[in-house]
Amino acid sequence: MKAFLKSKEMSVAVIILLLCIILAFISPVFLTADNLLDVVKGNAVLGILAIGMTLVIITGGIDVSVAAVTSAVCVVLGKTMMFLPDSPLTIVLIFVIAPLFGVLLGSINGILVAKIQIPAIVVTLGMMSIINGLVLYITNGQYLNSSNFPTVFLKFSNFSVFGISIIIWLFIITAALTWYILKYTLIGREVMAIGGNKESAVRVGINYSKVQIFVFSYMGFLAGIAAIAQTSYTKAVDPNGMIGLELMVIAAVVLGGANIMGGRGTIFGTILGVLLLGIIQNGLILAKIDTFWQKVFTGAIILIAVSYDHIQYKRSQKQLSKIEVEA
């Protein structure tokens, strides 16, 4: 309990609480149930991608192609739904096609990083450029609107359970599944071991390549789920709609306490990071701050958070070195 109270997650939770109190005074609308649910719903896609990015960052990697992969899956969904029947089978097919296509793209990243040993930032930057180019070529930069979608999908998009949108439930289920994988499965423990100390993990028999392929494939899998949530939320496919989202995804993970250099990160912390970004953006809108200042403010927070995390990491490494020398 004491460790949690001193953790970075607790610090983020306190910041969120203080922001909520301040924003409640600025706008009485902020603390209404509808607004808070809108904040979560509007950031569900960010949250799903951030959950996957947490695993990648824990292992010391990075994936800047997540937004591009999600856009590609959205386009595949939009094109596919034009030919699917207006029946419940369509929803089943969507939940098969989207994750599988996401896994395919994610596994390419994983194989290049693990087998050819190209740095993850280089691989995913290249994939981002390739995928964005192909998406624009295939769509010619044009929207696909809801008139192309089966009615059953539109009904699914508006579906709620206990008054909570299906989009939020996708976020909740994704977070719970990933938490379970990290906590109770062998591959989850291997992810944490690789993040803690790669050399030691390899010495005890953990297959580093397998873990790398898994985390990037799982990132692709969640990009497929995020594409379903995104298409459900907007009821359209915008080829350019997710450009730049990868930076927000990484920021949410780092704000939630993950170390950008790897070795540390939690699902709970990532959820807090997503909520913090969502509340900041919602608060700026309610405070009627101009759009360009919203981007400046959000960017400044990201920069400060990453810088602070890196400084803390360097300090901890120096302290560790000092202890080893004294020993």
C-alpha atoms as a PDB file:
ATOM      1  CA  MET A   1       0.000   0.000   0.000  1.00  0.00           C
ATOM      2  CA  LYS A   2       2.832   2.389   0.903  1.00  0.00           C
ATOM      3  CA  ALA A   3       4.551   1.599  -2.401  1.00  0.00           C
ATOM      4  CA  PHE A   4       1.372   2.486  -4.308  1.00  0.00           C
ATOM      5  CA  LEU A   5       0.973   5.788  -2.433  1.00  0.00           C
ATOM      6  CA  LYS A   6       4.521   6.727  -3.485  1.00  0.00           C
ATOM      7  CA  SER A   7       4.121   5.484  -7.060  1.00  0.00           C
ATOM      8  CA  LYS A   8       3.853   7.611 -10.188  1.00  0.00           C
ATOM      9  CA  GLU A   9       0.341   6.231 -10.742  1.00  0.00           C
ATOM     10  CA  MET A  10      -0.738   7.802  -7.451  1.00  0.00           C
ATOM     11  CA  SER A  11       0.771  11.122  -8.538  1.00  0.00           C
ATOM     12  CA  VAL A  12      -1.212  11.006 -11.787  1.00  0.00           C
ATOM     13  CA  ALA A  13      -4.395  10.114  -9.884  1.00  0.00           C
ATOM     14  CA  VAL A  14      -3.901  13.147  -7.606  1.00  0.00           C
ATOM     15  CA  ILE A  15      -3.346  15.402 -10.641  1.00  0.00           C
ATOM     16  CA  ILE A  16      -6.551  14.082 -12.225  1.00  0.00           C
ATOM     17  CA  LEU A  17      -8.472  14.741  -9.005  1.00  0.00           C
ATOM     18  CA  LEU A  18      -7.148  18.318  -8.754  1.00  0.00           C
ATOM     19  CA  LEU A  19      -7.961  18.960 -12.424  1.00  0.00           C
ATOM     20  CA  CYS A  20     -11.510  17.688 -11.912  1.00  0.00           C
ATOM     21  CA  ILE A  21     -11.995  20.033  -8.953  1.00  0.00           C
ATOM     22  CA  ILE A  22     -10.652  23.033 -10.897  1.00  0.00           C
ATOM     23  CA  LEU A  23     -12.693  22.231 -14.021  1.00  0.00           C
ATOM     24  CA  ALA A  24     -15.835  21.761 -11.924  1.00  0.00           C
ATOM     25  CA  PHE A  25     -15.506  25.412 -10.884  1.00  0.00           C
ATOM     26  CA  ILE A  26     -14.731  26.575 -14.426  1.00  0.00           C
ATOM     27  CA  SER A  27     -17.696  24.737 -15.953  1.00  0.00           C
ATOM     28  CA  PRO A  28     -20.613  23.126 -14.068  1.00  0.00           C
ATOM     29  CA  VAL A  29     -21.086  20.846 -17.084  1.00  0.00           C
ATOM     30  CA  PHE A  30     -17.768  19.056 -16.497  1.00  0.00           C
ATOM     31  CA  LEU A  31     -18.788  16.739 -13.654  1.00  0.00           C
ATOM     32  CA  THR A  32     -22.060  15.631 -15.240  1.00  0.00           C
ATOM     33  CA  ALA A  33     -22.321  11.918 -16.009  1.00  0.00           C
ATOM     34  CA  ASP A  34     -22.935  12.575 -19.715  1.00  0.00           C
ATOM     35  CA  ASN A  35     -19.785  14.688 -20.064  1.00  0.00           C
ATOM     36  CA  LEU A  36     -17.573  12.231 -18.178  1.00  0.00           C
ATOM     37  CA  LEU A  37     -18.860   9.329 -20.272  1.00  0.00           C
ATOM     38  CA  ASP A  38     -18.232  11.406 -23.401  1.00  0.00           C
ATOM     39  CA  VAL A  39     -14.633  11.972 -22.264  1.00  0.00           C
ATOM     40  CA  VAL A  40     -14.060   8.219 -21.887  1.00  0.00           C
ATOM     41  CA  LYS A  41     -15.899   7.384 -25.115  1.00  0.00           C
ATOM     42  CA  GLY A  42     -14.012  10.032 -27.077  1.00  0.00           C
ATOM     43  CA  ASN A  43     -10.685   8.660 -25.843  1.00  0.00           C
ATOM     44  CA  ALA A  44     -11.505   4.938 -26.046  1.00  0.00           C
ATOM     45  CA  VAL A  45      -9.516   4.498 -29.270  1.00  0.00           C
ATOM     46  CA  LEU A  46      -6.540   6.281 -27.725  1.00  0.00           C
ATOM     47  CA  GLY A  47      -6.923   4.060 -24.659  1.00  0.00           C
ATOM     48  CA  ILE A  48      -7.051   0.782 -26.583  1.00  0.00           C
ATOM     49  CA  LEU A  49      -3.918   1.688 -28.540  1.00  0.00           C
ATOM     50  CA  ALA A  50      -2.155   2.906 -25.381  1.00  0.00           C
ATOM     51  CA  ILE A  51      -2.862  -0.436 -23.687  1.00  0.00           C
ATOM     52  CA  GLY A  52      -1.033  -2.225 -26.508  1.00  0.00           C
ATOM     53  CA  MET A  53       1.765   0.352 -26.551  1.00  0.00           C
ATOM     54  CA  THR A  54       2.361  -0.322 -22.851  1.00  0.00           C
ATOM     55  CA  LEU A  55       3.623  -3.829 -23.634  1.00  0.00           C
ATOM     56  CA  VAL A  56       5.849  -2.557 -26.441  1.00  0.00           C
ATOM     57  CA  ILE A  57       7.389   0.151 -24.238  1.00  0.00           C
ATOM     58  CA  ILE A  58       7.900  -2.225 -21.295  1.00  0.00           C
ATOM     59  CA  THR A  59      10.161  -4.343 -23.521  1.00  0.00           C
ATOM     60  CA  GLY A  60      12.147  -1.239 -24.483  1.00  0.00           C
ATOM     61  CA  GLY A  61      10.571  -0.851 -27.925  1.00  0.00           C
ATOM     62  CA  ILE A  62       8.417   1.794 -29.579  1.00  0.00           C
ATOM     63  CA  ASP A  63       5.760   1.616 -32.290  1.00  0.00           C
ATOM     64  CA  VAL A  64       5.025   4.823 -34.181  1.00  0.00           C
ATOM     65  CA  SER A  65       3.008   2.971 -36.832  1.00  0.00           C
ATOM     66  CA  VAL A  66      -0.015   2.329 -34.578  1.00  0.00           C
ATOM     67  CA  ALA A  67      -2.137   5.144 -36.007  1.00  0.00           C
ATOM     68  CA  ALA A  68      -1.277   4.128 -39.568  1.00  0.00           C
ATOM     69  CA  VAL A  69      -2.114   0.473 -38.870  1.00  0.00           C
ATOM     70  CA  THR A  70      -5.434   1.494 -37.293  1.00  0.00           C
ATOM     71  CA  SER A  71      -6.254   3.686 -40.308  1.00  0.00           C
ATOM     72  CA  ALA A  72      -5.447   0.798 -42.656  1.00  0.00           C
ATOM     73  CA  VAL A  73      -7.747  -1.545 -40.732  1.00  0.00           C
ATOM     74  CA  CYS A  74     -10.483   1.131 -40.774  1.00  0.00           C
ATOM     75  CA  VAL A  75     -10.201   1.325 -44.557  1.00  0.00           C
ATOM     76  CA  VAL A  76     -10.333  -2.471 -44.880  1.00  0.00           C
ATOM     77  CA  LEU A  77     -13.426  -2.522 -42.642  1.00  0.00           C
ATOM     78  CA  GLY A  78     -15.104   0.255 -44.621  1.00  0.00           C
ATOM     79  CA  LYS A  79     -14.437  -1.437 -47.955  1.00  0.00           C
ATOM     80  CA  THR A  80     -15.449  -4.877 -46.642  1.00  0.00           C
ATOM     81  CA  MET A  81     -18.725  -3.691 -45.100  1.00  0.00           C
ATOM     82  CA  MET A  82     -19.879  -2.543 -48.525  1.00  0.00           C
ATOM     83  CA  PHE A  83     -20.196  -6.233 -49.439  1.00  0.00           C
ATOM     84  CA  LEU A  84     -21.323  -7.758 -46.141  1.00  0.00           C
ATOM     85  CA  PRO A  85     -24.969  -8.740 -45.510  1.00  0.00           C
ATOM     86  CA  ASP A  86     -27.184  -6.773 -43.143  1.00  0.00           C
ATOM     87  CA  SER A  87     -27.229  -9.519 -40.502  1.00  0.00           C
ATOM     88  CA  PRO A  88     -25.637 -10.264 -37.098  1.00  0.00           C
ATOM     89  CA  LEU A  89     -23.062 -12.367 -38.946  1.00  0.00           C
ATOM     90  CA  THR A  90     -21.550  -9.093 -40.167  1.00  0.00           C
ATOM     91  CA  ILE A  91     -20.600  -8.082 -36.615  1.00  0.00           C
ATOM     92  CA  VAL A  92     -18.940 -11.464 -36.061  1.00  0.00           C
ATOM     93  CA  LEU A  93     -16.983 -11.128 -39.317  1.00  0.00           C
ATOM     94  CA  ILE A  94     -15.885  -7.613 -38.379  1.00  0.00           C
ATOM     95  CA  PHE A  95     -14.445  -8.875 -35.091  1.00  0.00           C
ATOM     96  CA  VAL A  96     -12.551 -11.554 -37.022  1.00  0.00           C
ATOM     97  CA  ILE A  97     -11.318  -9.527 -39.996  1.00  0.00           C
ATOM     98  CA  ALA A  98     -10.153  -6.380 -38.163  1.00  0.00           C
ATOM     99  CA  PRO A  99      -7.972  -8.043 -35.469  1.00  0.00           C
ATOM    100  CA  LEU A 100      -6.497 -10.550 -37.950  1.00  0.00           C
ATOM    101  CA  PHE A 101      -5.487  -7.815 -40.381  1.00  0.00           C
ATOM    102  CA  GLY A 102      -4.052  -5.825 -37.489  1.00  0.00           C
ATOM    103  CA  VAL A 103      -2.052  -8.856 -36.300  1.00  0.00           C
ATOM    104  CA  LEU A 104      -0.719  -9.342 -39.836  1.00  0.00           C
ATOM    105  CA  LEU A 105       0.633  -5.773 -39.987  1.00  0.00           C
ATOM    106  CA  GLY A 106       1.871  -5.873 -36.398  1.00  0.00           C
ATOM    107  CA  SER A 107       3.692  -9.178 -36.912  1.00  0.00           C
ATOM    108  CA  ILE A 108       5.622  -7.666 -39.840  1.00  0.00           C
ATOM    109  CA  ASN A 109       6.965  -5.059 -37.410  1.00  0.00           C
ATOM    110  CA  GLY A 110       7.759  -7.752 -34.862  1.00  0.00           C
ATOM    111  CA  ILE A 111       9.584 -10.026 -37.322  1.00  0.00           C
ATOM    112  CA  LEU A 112      11.718  -7.170 -38.681  1.00  0.00           C
ATOM    113  CA  VAL A 113      12.632  -6.054 -35.153  1.00  0.00           C
ATOM    114  CA  ALA A 114      13.234  -9.546 -33.720  1.00  0.00           C
ATOM    115  CA  LYS A 115      14.715 -11.511 -36.623  1.00  0.00           C
ATOM    116  CA  ILE A 116      16.567  -8.877 -38.657  1.00  0.00           C
ATOM    117  CA  GLN A 117      17.264  -6.787 -35.531  1.00  0.00           C
ATOM    118  CA  ILE A 118      16.414  -3.429 -37.056  1.00  0.00           C
ATOM    119  CA  PRO A 119      15.706  -0.809 -34.351  1.00  0.00           C
ATOM    120  CA  ALA A 120      11.976  -0.602 -33.624  1.00  0.00           C
ATOM    121  CA  ILE A 121      11.812   3.149 -34.279  1.00  0.00           C
ATOM    122  CA  VAL A 122      13.258   2.636 -37.788  1.00  0.00           C
ATOM    123  CA  VAL A 123      10.972  -0.295 -38.628  1.00  0.00           C
ATOM    124  CA  THR A 124       7.793   1.376 -37.438  1.00  0.00           C
ATOM    125  CA  LEU A 125       8.627   4.725 -39.048  1.00  0.00           C
ATOM    126  CA  GLY A 126       9.084   2.908 -42.349  1.00  0.00           C
ATOM    127  CA  MET A 127       5.849   0.962 -41.887  1.00  0.00           C
ATOM    128  CA  MET A 128       4.005   4.159 -40.982  1.00  0.00           C
ATOM    129  CA  SER A 129       5.107   5.816 -44.219  1.00  0.00           C
ATOM    130  CA  ILE A 130       4.320   2.761 -46.367  1.00  0.00           C
ATOM    131  CA  ILE A 131       0.877   2.198 -44.836  1.00  0.00           C
ATOM    132  CA  ASN A 132      -0.132   5.876 -44.965  1.00  0.00           C
ATOM    133  CA  GLY A 133       0.880   6.017 -48.627  1.00  0.00           C
ATOM    134  CA  LEU A 134      -1.066   2.879 -49.506  1.00  0.00           C
ATOM    135  CA  VAL A 135      -4.146   4.069 -47.584  1.00  0.00           C
ATOM    136  CA  LEU A 136      -4.201   7.355 -49.494  1.00  0.00           C
ATOM    137  CA  TYR A 137      -3.649   5.535 -52.800  1.00  0.00           C
ATOM    138  CA  ILE A 138      -6.474   3.050 -52.189  1.00  0.00           C
ATOM    139  CA  THR A 139      -8.981   5.647 -50.928  1.00  0.00           C
ATOM    140  CA  ASN A 140      -7.766   8.572 -53.036  1.00  0.00           C
ATOM    141  CA  GLY A 141      -8.079  10.538 -49.787  1.00  0.00           C
ATOM    142  CA  GLN A 142     -11.875  10.236 -49.818  1.00  0.00           C
ATOM    143  CA  TYR A 143     -14.216   9.508 -46.900  1.00  0.00           C
ATOM    144  CA  LEU A 144     -16.357   6.417 -46.629  1.00  0.00           C
ATOM    145  CA  ASN A 145     -19.550   7.462 -44.847  1.00  0.00           C
ATOM    146  CA  SER A 146     -22.279   5.507 -43.057  1.00  0.00           C
ATOM    147  CA  SER A 147     -24.342   5.137 -46.231  1.00  0.00           C
ATOM    148  CA  ASN A 148     -21.889   2.369 -47.186  1.00  0.00           C
ATOM    149  CA  PHE A 149     -22.317   0.483 -43.912  1.00  0.00           C
ATOM    150  CA  PRO A 150     -24.906  -2.190 -43.055  1.00  0.00           C
ATOM    151  CA  THR A 151     -27.693  -1.077 -40.720  1.00  0.00           C
ATOM    152  CA  VAL A 152     -26.717  -3.789 -38.247  1.00  0.00           C
ATOM    153  CA  PHE A 153     -23.312  -2.145 -37.776  1.00  0.00           C
ATOM    154  CA  LEU A 154     -24.886   1.263 -37.147  1.00  0.00           C
ATOM    155  CA  LYS A 155     -27.142  -0.323 -34.522  1.00  0.00           C
ATOM    156  CA  PHE A 156     -24.110  -1.978 -32.963  1.00  0.00           C
ATOM    157  CA  SER A 157     -22.339   1.402 -32.850  1.00  0.00           C
ATOM    158  CA  ASN A 158     -25.215   2.882 -30.829  1.00  0.00           C
ATOM    159  CA  PHE A 159     -25.558  -0.137 -28.539  1.00  0.00           C
ATOM    160  CA  SER A 160     -25.201   0.396 -24.775  1.00  0.00           C
ATOM    161  CA  VAL A 161     -24.951  -1.937 -21.776  1.00  0.00           C
ATOM    162  CA  PHE A 162     -26.060  -0.492 -18.409  1.00  0.00           C
ATOM    163  CA  GLY A 163     -26.092   2.916 -20.053  1.00  0.00           C
ATOM    164  CA  ILE A 164     -22.442   2.616 -21.121  1.00  0.00           C
ATOM    165  CA  SER A 165     -21.564   2.699 -24.823  1.00  0.00           C
ATOM    166  CA  ILE A 166     -20.226  -0.450 -26.470  1.00  0.00           C
ATOM    167  CA  ILE A 167     -17.163   1.607 -27.438  1.00  0.00           C
ATOM    168  CA  ILE A 168     -16.308   2.155 -23.765  1.00  0.00           C
ATOM    169  CA  TRP A 169     -16.879  -1.548 -23.103  1.00  0.00           C
ATOM    170  CA  LEU A 170     -14.336  -2.395 -25.808  1.00  0.00           C
ATOM    171  CA  PHE A 171     -11.818  -0.244 -23.929  1.00  0.00           C
ATOM    172  CA  ILE A 172     -12.663  -1.872 -20.590  1.00  0.00           C
ATOM    173  CA  ILE A 173     -12.461  -5.428 -21.966  1.00  0.00           C
ATOM    174  CA  THR A 174      -9.172  -4.665 -23.726  1.00  0.00           C
ATOM    175  CA  ALA A 175      -7.655  -3.265 -20.525  1.00  0.00           C
ATOM    176  CA  ALA A 176      -8.865  -6.238 -18.437  1.00  0.00           C
ATOM    177  CA  LEU A 177      -7.588  -8.794 -20.972  1.00  0.00           C
ATOM    178  CA  THR A 178      -4.151  -7.163 -21.207  1.00  0.00           C
ATOM    179  CA  TRP A 179      -3.868  -6.845 -17.421  1.00  0.00           C
ATOM    180  CA  TYR A 180      -4.655 -10.565 -17.126  1.00  0.00           C
ATOM    181  CA  ILE A 181      -2.047 -11.454 -19.771  1.00  0.00           C
ATOM    182  CA  LEU A 182       0.672  -9.466 -17.987  1.00  0.00           C
ATOM    183  CA  LYS A 183      -0.283 -10.726 -14.533  1.00  0.00           C
ATOM    184  CA  TYR A 184      -1.135 -14.387 -14.995  1.00  0.00           C
ATOM    185  CA  THR A 185       0.286 -15.761 -18.241  1.00  0.00           C
ATOM    186  CA  LEU A 186       3.758 -17.023 -19.097  1.00  0.00           C
ATOM    187  CA  ILE A 187       4.173 -14.654 -22.046  1.00  0.00           C
ATOM    188  CA  GLY A 188       3.134 -11.748 -19.818  1.00  0.00           C
ATOM    189  CA  ARG A 189       5.791 -12.622 -17.243  1.00  0.00           C
ATOM    190  CA  GLU A 190       8.320 -12.929 -20.063  1.00  0.00           C
ATOM    191  CA  VAL A 191       7.396  -9.428 -21.284  1.00  0.00           C
ATOM    192  CA  MET A 192       8.027  -8.043 -17.792  1.00  0.00           C
ATOM    193  CA  ALA A 193      11.281 -10.019 -17.478  1.00  0.00           C
ATOM    194  CA  ILE A 194      12.609  -8.733 -20.806  1.00  0.00           C
ATOM    195  CA  GLY A 195      11.734  -5.198 -19.746  1.00  0.00           C
ATOM    196  CA  GLY A 196      13.409  -5.608 -16.368  1.00  0.00           C
ATOM    197  CA  ASN A 197      16.699  -6.975 -17.663  1.00  0.00           C
ATOM    198  CA  LYS A 198      17.014  -8.304 -21.199  1.00  0.00           C
ATOM    199  CA  GLU A 199      20.388 -10.020 -20.705  1.00  0.00           C
ATOM    200  CA  SER A 200      19.317 -11.825 -17.542  1.00  0.00           C
ATOM    201  CA  ALA A 201      16.011 -12.872 -19.106  1.00  0.00           C
ATOM    202  CA  VAL A 202      17.786 -14.376 -22.128  1.00  0.00           C
ATOM    203  CA  ARG A 203      20.233 -16.213 -19.847  1.00  0.00           C
ATOM    204  CA  VAL A 204      17.416 -17.995 -18.029  1.00  0.00           C
ATOM    205  CA  GLY A 205      15.983 -19.235 -21.315  1.00  0.00           C
ATOM    206  CA  ILE A 206      13.414 -16.607 -22.359  1.00  0.00           C
ATOM    207  CA  ASN A 207      13.122 -16.367 -26.139  1.00  0.00           C
ATOM    208  CA  TYR A 208      13.650 -12.667 -26.851  1.00  0.00           C
ATOM    209  CA  SER A 209      12.546 -12.914 -30.493  1.00  0.00           C
ATOM    210  CA  LYS A 210       9.286 -14.632 -29.514  1.00  0.00           C
ATOM    211  CA  VAL A 211       8.480 -11.907 -26.995  1.00  0.00           C
ATOM    212  CA  GLN A 212       9.207  -9.121 -29.510  1.00  0.00           C
ATOM    213  CA  ILE A 213       7.010 -10.726 -32.171  1.00  0.00           C
ATOM    214  CA  PHE A 214       4.260 -11.195 -29.576  1.00  0.00           C
ATOM    215  CA  VAL A 215       4.195  -7.587 -28.339  1.00  0.00           C
ATOM    216  CA  PHE A 216       4.124  -6.096 -31.848  1.00  0.00           C
ATOM    217  CA  SER A 217       1.531  -8.634 -33.026  1.00  0.00           C
ATOM    218  CA  TYR A 218      -0.587  -7.901 -29.943  1.00  0.00           C
ATOM    219  CA  MET A 219      -0.219  -4.196 -30.708  1.00  0.00           C
ATOM    220  CA  GLY A 220      -1.589  -4.950 -34.179  1.00  0.00           C
ATOM    221  CA  PHE A 221      -4.419  -6.999 -32.670  1.00  0.00           C
ATOM    222  CA  LEU A 222      -5.463  -4.052 -30.496  1.00  0.00           C
ATOM    223  CA  ALA A 223      -5.116  -1.714 -33.478  1.00  0.00           C
ATOM    224  CA  GLY A 224      -7.773  -3.898 -35.119  1.00  0.00           C
ATOM    225  CA  ILE A 225     -10.052  -3.532 -32.078  1.00  0.00           C
ATOM    226  CA  ALA A 226      -9.336   0.215 -32.038  1.00  0.00           C
ATOM    227  CA  ALA A 227     -10.321   0.407 -35.722  1.00  0.00           C
ATOM    228  CA  ILE A 228     -13.711  -1.119 -34.876  1.00  0.00           C
ATOM    229  CA  ALA A 229     -14.146   1.399 -32.047  1.00  0.00           C
ATOM    230  CA  GLN A 230     -13.056   4.286 -34.284  1.00  0.00           C
ATOM    231  CA  THR A 231     -15.404   3.326 -37.115  1.00  0.00           C
ATOM    232  CA  SER A 232     -18.235   2.847 -34.615  1.00  0.00           C
ATOM    233  CA  TYR A 233     -17.559   6.233 -33.025  1.00  0.00           C
ATOM    234  CA  THR A 234     -17.317   8.287 -36.232  1.00  0.00           C
ATOM    235  CA  LYS A 235     -19.581   6.078 -38.380  1.00  0.00           C
ATOM    236  CA  ALA A 236     -17.220   6.903 -41.213  1.00  0.00           C
ATOM    237  CA  VAL A 237     -13.697   6.196 -42.436  1.00  0.00           C
ATOM    238  CA  ASP A 238     -11.357   9.168 -42.763  1.00  0.00           C
ATOM    239  CA  PRO A 239      -8.004   8.170 -44.339  1.00  0.00           C
ATOM    240  CA  ASN A 240      -6.330  11.173 -42.684  1.00  0.00           C
ATOM    241  CA  GLY A 241      -8.279  11.129 -39.431  1.00  0.00           C
ATOM    242  CA  MET A 242      -5.651   9.463 -37.249  1.00  0.00           C
ATOM    243  CA  ILE A 243      -2.472  11.177 -38.401  1.00  0.00           C
ATOM    244  CA  GLY A 244      -0.399  12.158 -35.377  1.00  0.00           C
ATOM    245  CA  LEU A 245      -2.356  10.008 -32.909  1.00  0.00           C
ATOM    246  CA  GLU A 246       0.712   7.822 -32.299  1.00  0.00           C
ATOM    247  CA  LEU A 247       2.321  10.670 -30.329  1.00  0.00           C
ATOM    248  CA  MET A 248      -0.712  10.925 -28.051  1.00  0.00           C
ATOM    249  CA  VAL A 249      -0.639   7.148 -27.553  1.00  0.00           C
ATOM    250  CA  ILE A 250       2.999   7.209 -26.471  1.00  0.00           C
ATOM    251  CA  ALA A 251       2.344  10.251 -24.281  1.00  0.00           C
ATOM    252  CA  ALA A 252      -0.542   8.528 -22.498  1.00  0.00           C
ATOM    253  CA  VAL A 253       1.658   5.542 -21.656  1.00  0.00           C
ATOM    254  CA  VAL A 254       4.524   7.710 -20.384  1.00  0.00           C
ATOM    255  CA  LEU A 255       2.176   9.969 -18.413  1.00  0.00           C
ATOM    256  CA  GLY A 256       0.822   6.808 -16.785  1.00  0.00           C
ATOM    257  CA  GLY A 257       4.217   5.942 -15.333  1.00  0.00           C
ATOM    258  CA  ALA A 258       5.873   3.805 -18.011  1.00  0.00           C
ATOM    259  CA  ASN A 259       9.571   4.337 -18.613  1.00  0.00           C
ATOM    260  CA  ILE A 260      10.184   5.356 -22.221  1.00  0.00           C
ATOM    261  CA  MET A 261      13.485   3.414 -22.003  1.00  0.00           C
ATOM    262  CA  GLY A 262      11.616   0.237 -21.036  1.00  0.00           C
ATOM    263  CA  GLY A 263      11.379  -1.886 -17.920  1.00  0.00           C
ATOM    264  CA  ARG A 264       8.414  -0.232 -16.232  1.00  0.00           C
ATOM    265  CA  GLY A 265       4.722   0.212 -16.992  1.00  0.00           C
ATOM    266  CA  THR A 266       1.277  -0.823 -15.783  1.00  0.00           C
ATOM    267  CA  ILE A 267      -2.151  -1.080 -17.361  1.00  0.00           C
ATOM    268  CA  PHE A 268      -3.692   0.932 -14.514  1.00  0.00           C
ATOM    269  CA  GLY A 269      -1.118   3.676 -15.023  1.00  0.00           C
ATOM    270  CA  THR A 270      -1.818   3.789 -18.763  1.00  0.00           C
ATOM    271  CA  ILE A 271      -5.561   4.131 -18.116  1.00  0.00           C
ATOM    272  CA  LEU A 272      -4.800   7.072 -15.812  1.00  0.00           C
ATOM    273  CA  GLY A 273      -2.587   8.600 -18.505  1.00  0.00           C
ATOM    274  CA  VAL A 274      -5.399   8.320 -21.066  1.00  0.00           C
ATOM    275  CA  LEU A 275      -7.895   9.870 -18.637  1.00  0.00           C
ATOM    276  CA  LEU A 276      -5.477  12.712 -17.861  1.00  0.00           C
ATOM    277  CA  LEU A 277      -5.081  13.604 -21.545  1.00  0.00           C
ATOM    278  CA  GLY A 278      -8.830  13.287 -22.117  1.00  0.00           C
ATOM    279  CA  ILE A 279      -9.706  15.495 -19.152  1.00  0.00           C
ATOM    280  CA  ILE A 280      -7.158  18.130 -20.185  1.00  0.00           C
ATOM    281  CA  GLN A 281      -8.571  18.308 -23.719  1.00  0.00           C
ATOM    282  CA  ASN A 282     -12.169  18.342 -22.464  1.00  0.00           C
ATOM    283  CA  GLY A 283     -11.338  21.035 -19.924  1.00  0.00           C
ATOM    284  CA  LEU A 284      -9.685  23.226 -22.549  1.00  0.00           C
ATOM    285  CA  ILE A 285     -12.767  22.905 -24.757  1.00  0.00           C
ATOM    286  CA  LEU A 286     -15.122  23.783 -21.885  1.00  0.00           C
ATOM    287  CA  ALA A 287     -12.864  26.718 -21.009  1.00  0.00           C
ATOM    288  CA  LYS A 288     -13.275  27.849 -24.652  1.00  0.00           C
ATOM    289  CA  ILE A 289      -9.544  27.845 -25.370  1.00  0.00           C
ATOM    290  CA  ASP A 290      -8.740  28.167 -29.089  1.00  0.00           C
ATOM    291  CA  THR A 291      -7.936  24.909 -30.881  1.00  0.00           C
ATOM    292  CA  PHE A 292      -4.335  25.801 -31.697  1.00  0.00           C
ATOM    293  CA  TRP A 293      -3.629  26.648 -28.045  1.00  0.00           C
ATOM    294  CA  GLN A 294      -5.087  23.275 -27.077  1.00  0.00           C
ATOM    295  CA  LYS A 295      -2.455  21.587 -29.230  1.00  0.00           C
ATOM    296  CA  VAL A 296       0.312  23.769 -27.792  1.00  0.00           C
ATOM    297  CA  PHE A 297      -0.778  23.025 -24.230  1.00  0.00           C
ATOM    298  CA  THR A 298      -1.112  19.277 -24.833  1.00  0.00           C
ATOM    299  CA  GLY A 299       2.268  19.170 -26.597  1.00  0.00           C
ATOM    300  CA  ALA A 300       3.933  21.005 -23.717  1.00  0.00           C
ATOM    301  CA  ILE A 301       2.534  18.496 -21.220  1.00  0.00           C
ATOM    302  CA  ILE A 302       3.834  15.597 -23.328  1.00  0.00           C
ATOM    303  CA  LEU A 303       7.292  17.166 -23.566  1.00  0.00           C
ATOM    304  CA  ILE A 304       7.460  17.898 -19.833  1.00  0.00           C
ATOM    305  CA  ALA A 305       6.263  14.393 -18.934  1.00  0.00           C
ATOM    306  CA  VAL A 306       8.778  12.602 -21.179  1.00  0.00           C
ATOM    307  CA  SER A 307      11.619  14.898 -20.067  1.00  0.00           C
ATOM    308  CA  TYR A 308      10.787  14.384 -16.401  1.00  0.00           C
ATOM    309  CA  ASP A 309      10.611  10.613 -16.858  1.00  0.00           C
ATOM    310  CA  HIS A 310      13.995  10.520 -18.609  1.00  0.00           C
ATOM    311  CA  ILE A 311      15.623  12.697 -15.928  1.00  0.00           C
ATOM    312  CA  GLN A 312      14.254  10.403 -13.215  1.00  0.00           C
ATOM    313  CA  TYR A 313      15.572   7.378 -15.106  1.00  0.00           C
ATOM    314  CA  LYS A 314      19.079   8.865 -15.382  1.00  0.00           C
ATOM    315  CA  ARG A 315      19.073   9.732 -11.680  1.00  0.00           C
ATOM    316  CA  SER A 316      18.066   6.183 -10.733  1.00  0.00           C
ATOM    317  CA  GLN A 317      20.832   4.758 -12.949  1.00  0.00           C
ATOM    318  CA  LYS A 318      23.414   7.054 -11.313  1.00  0.00           C
ATOM    319  CA  GLN A 319      22.194   6.026  -7.866  1.00  0.00           C
ATOM    320  CA  LEU A 320      22.426   2.363  -8.841  1.00  0.00           C
ATOM    321  CA  SER A 321      25.976   2.860 -10.119  1.00  0.00           C
ATOM    322  CA  LYS A 322      26.945   4.623  -6.876  1.00  0.00           C
ATOM    323  CA  ILE A 323      25.601   1.756  -4.760  1.00  0.00           C
ATOM    324  CA  GLU A 324      27.475  -0.818  -6.849  1.00  0.00           C
ATOM    325  CA  VAL A 325      30.768   1.094  -6.529  1.00  0.00           C
ATOM    326  CA  GLU A 326      30.363   1.464  -2.755  1.00  0.00           C
ATOM    327  CA  ALA A 327      29.553  -2.235  -2.442  1.00  0.00           C
END
